[in-house]
Amino acid sequence: MTTPQNPDDRGPAPFLTLHTAFVLVTAVLIGCAVGVLSRLGGTHPALAVLYGLSAAGAAVPVLRGLIR
């Protein structure tokens, strides 16, 4: 026999909050843009990837502080 669920119980908490997901997706988009632009600027593809990763990593704390 199962017990009835409480209507106020909304289940487990989400894995990522909406704020976290938005910050991470925006940081990835910024990193992709920097990588593509640096590659179009003539840098080596490996350096373009490093530039994109660096930009994405630097964008996370900035976006976290800006988006509340």
PDB file of N, CA and C in Angstrom:
ATOM      1  N   MET A   1       0.839  -1.164   0.000  1.00  0.00           N
ATOM      2  CA  MET A   1       0.000   0.000   0.000  1.00  0.00           C
ATOM      3  C   MET A   1       0.893   1.240   0.000  1.00  0.00           C
ATOM      4  N   THR A   2       0.587   2.197  -0.837  1.00  0.00           N
ATOM      5  CA  THR A   2       1.372   3.429  -0.911  1.00  0.00           C
ATOM      6  C   THR A   2       0.707   4.510  -0.089  1.00  0.00           C
ATOM      7  N   THR A   3       1.532   5.397   0.404  1.00  0.00           N
ATOM      8  CA  THR A   3       0.994   6.511   1.179  1.00  0.00           C
ATOM      9  C   THR A   3       0.682   7.651   0.231  1.00  0.00           C
ATOM     10  N   PRO A   4      -0.358   8.397   0.484  1.00  0.00           N
ATOM     11  CA  PRO A   4      -0.679   9.531  -0.390  1.00  0.00           C
ATOM     12  C   PRO A   4       0.391  10.610  -0.285  1.00  0.00           C
ATOM     13  N   GLN A   5       0.662  11.213  -1.418  1.00  0.00           N
ATOM     14  CA  GLN A   5       1.678  12.265  -1.432  1.00  0.00           C
ATOM     15  C   GLN A   5       1.081  13.586  -0.972  1.00  0.00           C
ATOM     16  N   ASN A   6       1.921  14.340  -0.334  1.00  0.00           N
ATOM     17  CA  ASN A   6       1.533  15.670   0.099  1.00  0.00           C
ATOM     18  C   ASN A   6       1.460  16.577  -1.126  1.00  0.00           C
ATOM     19  N   PRO A   7       0.373  17.312  -1.331  1.00  0.00           N
ATOM     20  CA  PRO A   7       0.293  18.185  -2.519  1.00  0.00           C
ATOM     21  C   PRO A   7       1.332  19.300  -2.508  1.00  0.00           C
ATOM     22  N   ASP A   8       1.870  19.623  -1.330  1.00  0.00           N
ATOM     23  CA  ASP A   8       2.895  20.666  -1.260  1.00  0.00           C
ATOM     24  C   ASP A   8       4.281  20.134  -1.584  1.00  0.00           C
ATOM     25  N   ASP A   9       4.440  18.806  -1.591  1.00  0.00           N
ATOM     26  CA  ASP A   9       5.732  18.198  -1.889  1.00  0.00           C
ATOM     27  C   ASP A   9       5.976  18.254  -3.390  1.00  0.00           C
ATOM     28  N   ARG A  10       7.001  18.964  -3.784  1.00  0.00           N
ATOM     29  CA  ARG A  10       7.284  19.147  -5.206  1.00  0.00           C
ATOM     30  C   ARG A  10       8.387  18.226  -5.701  1.00  0.00           C
ATOM     31  N   GLY A  11       8.781  17.283  -4.902  1.00  0.00           N
ATOM     32  CA  GLY A  11       9.801  16.335  -5.315  1.00  0.00           C
ATOM     33  C   GLY A  11      11.191  16.834  -4.971  1.00  0.00           C
ATOM     34  N   PRO A  12      12.194  16.154  -5.528  1.00  0.00           N
ATOM     35  CA  PRO A  12      13.572  16.539  -5.215  1.00  0.00           C
ATOM     36  C   PRO A  12      13.939  17.889  -5.835  1.00  0.00           C
ATOM     37  N   ALA A  13      14.926  18.491  -5.251  1.00  0.00           N
ATOM     38  CA  ALA A  13      15.397  19.781  -5.768  1.00  0.00           C
ATOM     39  C   ALA A  13      16.033  19.582  -7.142  1.00  0.00           C
ATOM     40  N   PRO A  14      15.998  20.590  -7.995  1.00  0.00           N
ATOM     41  CA  PRO A  14      16.603  20.436  -9.325  1.00  0.00           C
ATOM     42  C   PRO A  14      18.120  20.273  -9.226  1.00  0.00           C
ATOM     43  N   PHE A  15      18.693  19.592 -10.222  1.00  0.00           N
ATOM     44  CA  PHE A  15      20.138  19.368 -10.241  1.00  0.00           C
ATOM     45  C   PHE A  15      20.883  20.689 -10.361  1.00  0.00           C
ATOM     46  N   LEU A  16      20.423  21.565 -11.257  1.00  0.00           N
ATOM     47  CA  LEU A  16      20.985  22.908 -11.424  1.00  0.00           C
ATOM     48  C   LEU A  16      19.853  23.911 -11.295  1.00  0.00           C
ATOM     49  N   THR A  17      20.131  25.000 -10.637  1.00  0.00           N
ATOM     50  CA  THR A  17      19.128  26.044 -10.581  1.00  0.00           C
ATOM     51  C   THR A  17      19.095  26.776 -11.919  1.00  0.00           C
ATOM     52  N   LEU A  18      18.049  27.517 -12.139  1.00  0.00           N
ATOM     53  CA  LEU A  18      17.919  28.267 -13.381  1.00  0.00           C
ATOM     54  C   LEU A  18      19.040  29.297 -13.509  1.00  0.00           C
ATOM     55  N   HIS A  19      19.417  29.909 -12.407  1.00  0.00           N
ATOM     56  CA  HIS A  19      20.495  30.890 -12.410  1.00  0.00           C
ATOM     57  C   HIS A  19      21.815  30.254 -12.844  1.00  0.00           C
ATOM     58  N   THR A  20      22.133  29.101 -12.277  1.00  0.00           N
ATOM     59  CA  THR A  20      23.378  28.413 -12.611  1.00  0.00           C
ATOM     60  C   THR A  20      23.397  27.984 -14.067  1.00  0.00           C
ATOM     61  N   ALA A  21      22.297  27.424 -14.535  1.00  0.00           N
ATOM     62  CA  ALA A  21      22.224  26.986 -15.930  1.00  0.00           C
ATOM     63  C   ALA A  21      22.385  28.156 -16.886  1.00  0.00           C
ATOM     64  N   PHE A  22      21.752  29.277 -16.570  1.00  0.00           N
ATOM     65  CA  PHE A  22      21.849  30.450 -17.439  1.00  0.00           C
ATOM     66  C   PHE A  22      23.274  30.998 -17.472  1.00  0.00           C
ATOM     67  N   VAL A  23      23.919  31.054 -16.315  1.00  0.00           N
ATOM     68  CA  VAL A  23      25.295  31.546 -16.253  1.00  0.00           C
ATOM     69  C   VAL A  23      26.229  30.637 -17.048  1.00  0.00           C
ATOM     70  N   LEU A  24      26.097  29.329 -16.899  1.00  0.00           N
ATOM     71  CA  LEU A  24      26.974  28.400 -17.602  1.00  0.00           C
ATOM     72  C   LEU A  24      26.747  28.420 -19.114  1.00  0.00           C
ATOM     73  N   VAL A  25      25.494  28.470 -19.534  1.00  0.00           N
ATOM     74  CA  VAL A  25      25.209  28.520 -20.973  1.00  0.00           C
ATOM     75  C   VAL A  25      25.728  29.817 -21.577  1.00  0.00           C
ATOM     76  N   THR A  26      25.541  30.919 -20.880  1.00  0.00           N
ATOM     77  CA  THR A  26      26.043  32.200 -21.382  1.00  0.00           C
ATOM     78  C   THR A  26      27.569  32.202 -21.448  1.00  0.00           C
ATOM     79  N   ALA A  27      28.221  31.622 -20.464  1.00  0.00           N
ATOM     80  CA  ALA A  27      29.684  31.549 -20.476  1.00  0.00           C
ATOM     81  C   ALA A  27      30.178  30.688 -21.636  1.00  0.00           C
ATOM     82  N   VAL A  28      29.494  29.594 -21.913  1.00  0.00           N
ATOM     83  CA  VAL A  28      29.878  28.753 -23.056  1.00  0.00           C
ATOM     84  C   VAL A  28      29.700  29.513 -24.366  1.00  0.00           C
ATOM     85  N   LEU A  29      28.616  30.256 -24.491  1.00  0.00           N
ATOM     86  CA  LEU A  29      28.405  31.050 -25.711  1.00  0.00           C
ATOM     87  C   LEU A  29      29.486  32.119 -25.872  1.00  0.00           C
ATOM     88  N   ILE A  30      29.865  32.760 -24.792  1.00  0.00           N
ATOM     89  CA  ILE A  30      30.939  33.749 -24.853  1.00  0.00           C
ATOM     90  C   ILE A  30      32.247  33.088 -25.243  1.00  0.00           C
ATOM     91  N   GLY A  31      32.538  31.930 -24.669  1.00  0.00           N
ATOM     92  CA  GLY A  31      33.752  31.202 -25.019  1.00  0.00           C
ATOM     93  C   GLY A  31      33.779  30.788 -26.479  1.00  0.00           C
ATOM     94  N   CYS A  32      32.650  30.324 -26.998  1.00  0.00           N
ATOM     95  CA  CYS A  32      32.577  29.953 -28.419  1.00  0.00           C
ATOM     96  C   CYS A  32      32.795  31.170 -29.311  1.00  0.00           C
ATOM     97  N   ALA A  33      32.199  32.282 -28.947  1.00  0.00           N
ATOM     98  CA  ALA A  33      32.360  33.492 -29.751  1.00  0.00           C
ATOM     99  C   ALA A  33      33.821  33.947 -29.767  1.00  0.00           C
ATOM    100  N   VAL A  34      34.469  33.923 -28.631  1.00  0.00           N
ATOM    101  CA  VAL A  34      35.877  34.328 -28.561  1.00  0.00           C
ATOM    102  C   VAL A  34      36.744  33.366 -29.361  1.00  0.00           C
ATOM    103  N   GLY A  35      36.477  32.071 -29.248  1.00  0.00           N
ATOM    104  CA  GLY A  35      37.244  31.092 -30.004  1.00  0.00           C
ATOM    105  C   GLY A  35      37.091  31.250 -31.502  1.00  0.00           C
ATOM    106  N   VAL A  36      35.862  31.442 -31.949  1.00  0.00           N
ATOM    107  CA  VAL A  36      35.613  31.618 -33.391  1.00  0.00           C
ATOM    108  C   VAL A  36      36.242  32.909 -33.888  1.00  0.00           C
ATOM    109  N   LEU A  37      36.072  33.976 -33.144  1.00  0.00           N
ATOM    110  CA  LEU A  37      36.638  35.249 -33.579  1.00  0.00           C
ATOM    111  C   LEU A  37      38.163  35.224 -33.599  1.00  0.00           C
ATOM    112  N   SER A  38      38.767  34.567 -32.637  1.00  0.00           N
ATOM    113  CA  SER A  38      40.228  34.497 -32.650  1.00  0.00           C
ATOM    114  C   SER A  38      40.719  33.595 -33.778  1.00  0.00           C
ATOM    115  N   ARG A  39      39.972  32.543 -34.095  1.00  0.00           N
ATOM    116  CA  ARG A  39      40.359  31.699 -35.238  1.00  0.00           C
ATOM    117  C   ARG A  39      40.212  32.466 -36.541  1.00  0.00           C
ATOM    118  N   LEU A  40      39.139  33.221 -36.664  1.00  0.00           N
ATOM    119  CA  LEU A  40      38.961  34.040 -37.869  1.00  0.00           C
ATOM    120  C   LEU A  40      40.015  35.135 -37.965  1.00  0.00           C
ATOM    121  N   GLY A  41      40.570  35.506 -36.842  1.00  0.00           N
ATOM    122  CA  GLY A  41      41.633  36.502 -36.814  1.00  0.00           C
ATOM    123  C   GLY A  41      42.982  35.955 -37.232  1.00  0.00           C
ATOM    124  N   GLY A  42      43.074  34.644 -37.404  1.00  0.00           N
ATOM    125  CA  GLY A  42      44.301  34.071 -37.933  1.00  0.00           C
ATOM    126  C   GLY A  42      45.161  33.326 -36.940  1.00  0.00           C
ATOM    127  N   THR A  43      44.665  33.092 -35.725  1.00  0.00           N
ATOM    128  CA  THR A  43      45.477  32.344 -34.766  1.00  0.00           C
ATOM    129  C   THR A  43      45.403  30.851 -35.064  1.00  0.00           C
ATOM    130  N   HIS A  44      46.328  30.111 -34.498  1.00  0.00           N
ATOM    131  CA  HIS A  44      46.348  28.658 -34.637  1.00  0.00           C
ATOM    132  C   HIS A  44      45.092  28.084 -33.966  1.00  0.00           C
ATOM    133  N   PRO A  45      44.498  27.004 -34.520  1.00  0.00           N
ATOM    134  CA  PRO A  45      43.272  26.455 -33.916  1.00  0.00           C
ATOM    135  C   PRO A  45      43.409  26.070 -32.440  1.00  0.00           C
ATOM    136  N   ALA A  46      44.568  25.531 -32.060  1.00  0.00           N
ATOM    137  CA  ALA A  46      44.747  25.162 -30.652  1.00  0.00           C
ATOM    138  C   ALA A  46      44.732  26.399 -29.753  1.00  0.00           C
ATOM    139  N   LEU A  47      45.322  27.483 -30.221  1.00  0.00           N
ATOM    140  CA  LEU A  47      45.292  28.724 -29.441  1.00  0.00           C
ATOM    141  C   LEU A  47      43.880  29.302 -29.382  1.00  0.00           C
ATOM    142  N   ALA A  48      43.142  29.170 -30.469  1.00  0.00           N
ATOM    143  CA  ALA A  48      41.763  29.666 -30.470  1.00  0.00           C
ATOM    144  C   ALA A  48      40.921  28.921 -29.437  1.00  0.00           C
ATOM    145  N   VAL A  49      41.148  27.606 -29.309  1.00  0.00           N
ATOM    146  CA  VAL A  49      40.432  26.831 -28.294  1.00  0.00           C
ATOM    147  C   VAL A  49      40.827  27.298 -26.898  1.00  0.00           C
ATOM    148  N   LEU A  50      42.112  27.520 -26.684  1.00  0.00           N
ATOM    149  CA  LEU A  50      42.559  27.999 -25.368  1.00  0.00           C
ATOM    150  C   LEU A  50      41.995  29.375 -25.044  1.00  0.00           C
ATOM    151  N   TYR A  51      41.927  30.242 -26.034  1.00  0.00           N
ATOM    152  CA  TYR A  51      41.334  31.563 -25.812  1.00  0.00           C
ATOM    153  C   TYR A  51      39.849  31.440 -25.449  1.00  0.00           C
ATOM    154  N   GLY A  52      39.154  30.563 -26.140  1.00  0.00           N
ATOM    155  CA  GLY A  52      37.735  30.367 -25.845  1.00  0.00           C
ATOM    156  C   GLY A  52      37.505  29.796 -24.461  1.00  0.00           C
ATOM    157  N   LEU A  53      38.314  28.812 -24.081  1.00  0.00           N
ATOM    158  CA  LEU A  53      38.184  28.243 -22.737  1.00  0.00           C
ATOM    159  C   LEU A  53      38.516  29.258 -21.655  1.00  0.00           C
ATOM    160  N   SER A  54      39.536  30.059 -21.913  1.00  0.00           N
ATOM    161  CA  SER A  54      39.897  31.097 -20.940  1.00  0.00           C
ATOM    162  C   SER A  54      38.793  32.131 -20.800  1.00  0.00           C
ATOM    163  N   ALA A  55      38.199  32.512 -21.917  1.00  0.00           N
ATOM    164  CA  ALA A  55      37.119  33.501 -21.865  1.00  0.00           C
ATOM    165  C   ALA A  55      35.895  32.936 -21.147  1.00  0.00           C
ATOM    166  N   ALA A  56      35.576  31.674 -21.393  1.00  0.00           N
ATOM    167  CA  ALA A  56      34.435  31.065 -20.710  1.00  0.00           C
ATOM    168  C   ALA A  56      34.688  30.973 -19.205  1.00  0.00           C
ATOM    169  N   GLY A  57      35.895  30.595 -18.833  1.00  0.00           N
ATOM    170  CA  GLY A  57      36.221  30.506 -17.412  1.00  0.00           C
ATOM    171  C   GLY A  57      36.211  31.859 -16.721  1.00  0.00           C
ATOM    172  N   ALA A  58      36.671  32.874 -17.422  1.00  0.00           N
ATOM    173  CA  ALA A  58      36.674  34.213 -16.830  1.00  0.00           C
ATOM    174  C   ALA A  58      35.269  34.819 -16.784  1.00  0.00           C
ATOM    175  N   ALA A  59      34.395  34.376 -17.670  1.00  0.00           N
ATOM    176  CA  ALA A  59      33.043  34.935 -17.731  1.00  0.00           C
ATOM    177  C   ALA A  59      32.157  34.424 -16.598  1.00  0.00           C
ATOM    178  N   VAL A  60      32.431  33.238 -16.073  1.00  0.00           N
ATOM    179  CA  VAL A  60      31.544  32.648 -15.059  1.00  0.00           C
ATOM    180  C   VAL A  60      31.436  33.525 -13.808  1.00  0.00           C
ATOM    181  N   PRO A  61      32.524  33.930 -13.162  1.00  0.00           N
ATOM    182  CA  PRO A  61      32.348  34.761 -11.959  1.00  0.00           C
ATOM    183  C   PRO A  61      31.755  36.139 -12.266  1.00  0.00           C
ATOM    184  N   VAL A  62      32.092  36.676 -13.424  1.00  0.00           N
ATOM    185  CA  VAL A  62      31.547  37.980 -13.789  1.00  0.00           C
ATOM    186  C   VAL A  62      30.031  37.886 -13.989  1.00  0.00           C
ATOM    187  N   LEU A  63      29.594  36.875 -14.744  1.00  0.00           N
ATOM    188  CA  LEU A  63      28.159  36.698 -14.979  1.00  0.00           C
ATOM    189  C   LEU A  63      27.427  36.379 -13.688  1.00  0.00           C
ATOM    190  N   ARG A  64      28.062  35.596 -12.833  1.00  0.00           N
ATOM    191  CA  ARG A  64      27.425  35.246 -11.561  1.00  0.00           C
ATOM    192  C   ARG A  64      27.175  36.483 -10.714  1.00  0.00           C
ATOM    193  N   GLY A  65      28.109  37.427 -10.759  1.00  0.00           N
ATOM    194  CA  GLY A  65      27.932  38.666 -10.010  1.00  0.00           C
ATOM    195  C   GLY A  65      26.945  39.629 -10.658  1.00  0.00           C
ATOM    196  N   LEU A  66      26.872  39.604 -11.988  1.00  0.00           N
ATOM    197  CA  LEU A  66      25.999  40.536 -12.688  1.00  0.00           C
ATOM    198  C   LEU A  66      24.539  40.096 -12.711  1.00  0.00           C
ATOM    199  N   ILE A  67      24.316  38.794 -12.830  1.00  0.00           N
ATOM    200  CA  ILE A  67      22.956  38.281 -12.967  1.00  0.00           C
ATOM    201  C   ILE A  67      22.467  37.843 -11.596  1.00  0.00           C
ATOM    202  N   ARG A  68      21.513  38.530 -11.088  1.00  0.00           N
ATOM    203  CA  ARG A  68      20.915  38.206  -9.784  1.00  0.00           C
ATOM    204  C   ARG A  68      19.460  37.968  -9.912  1.00  0.00           C
TER     205      ARG A  68
END
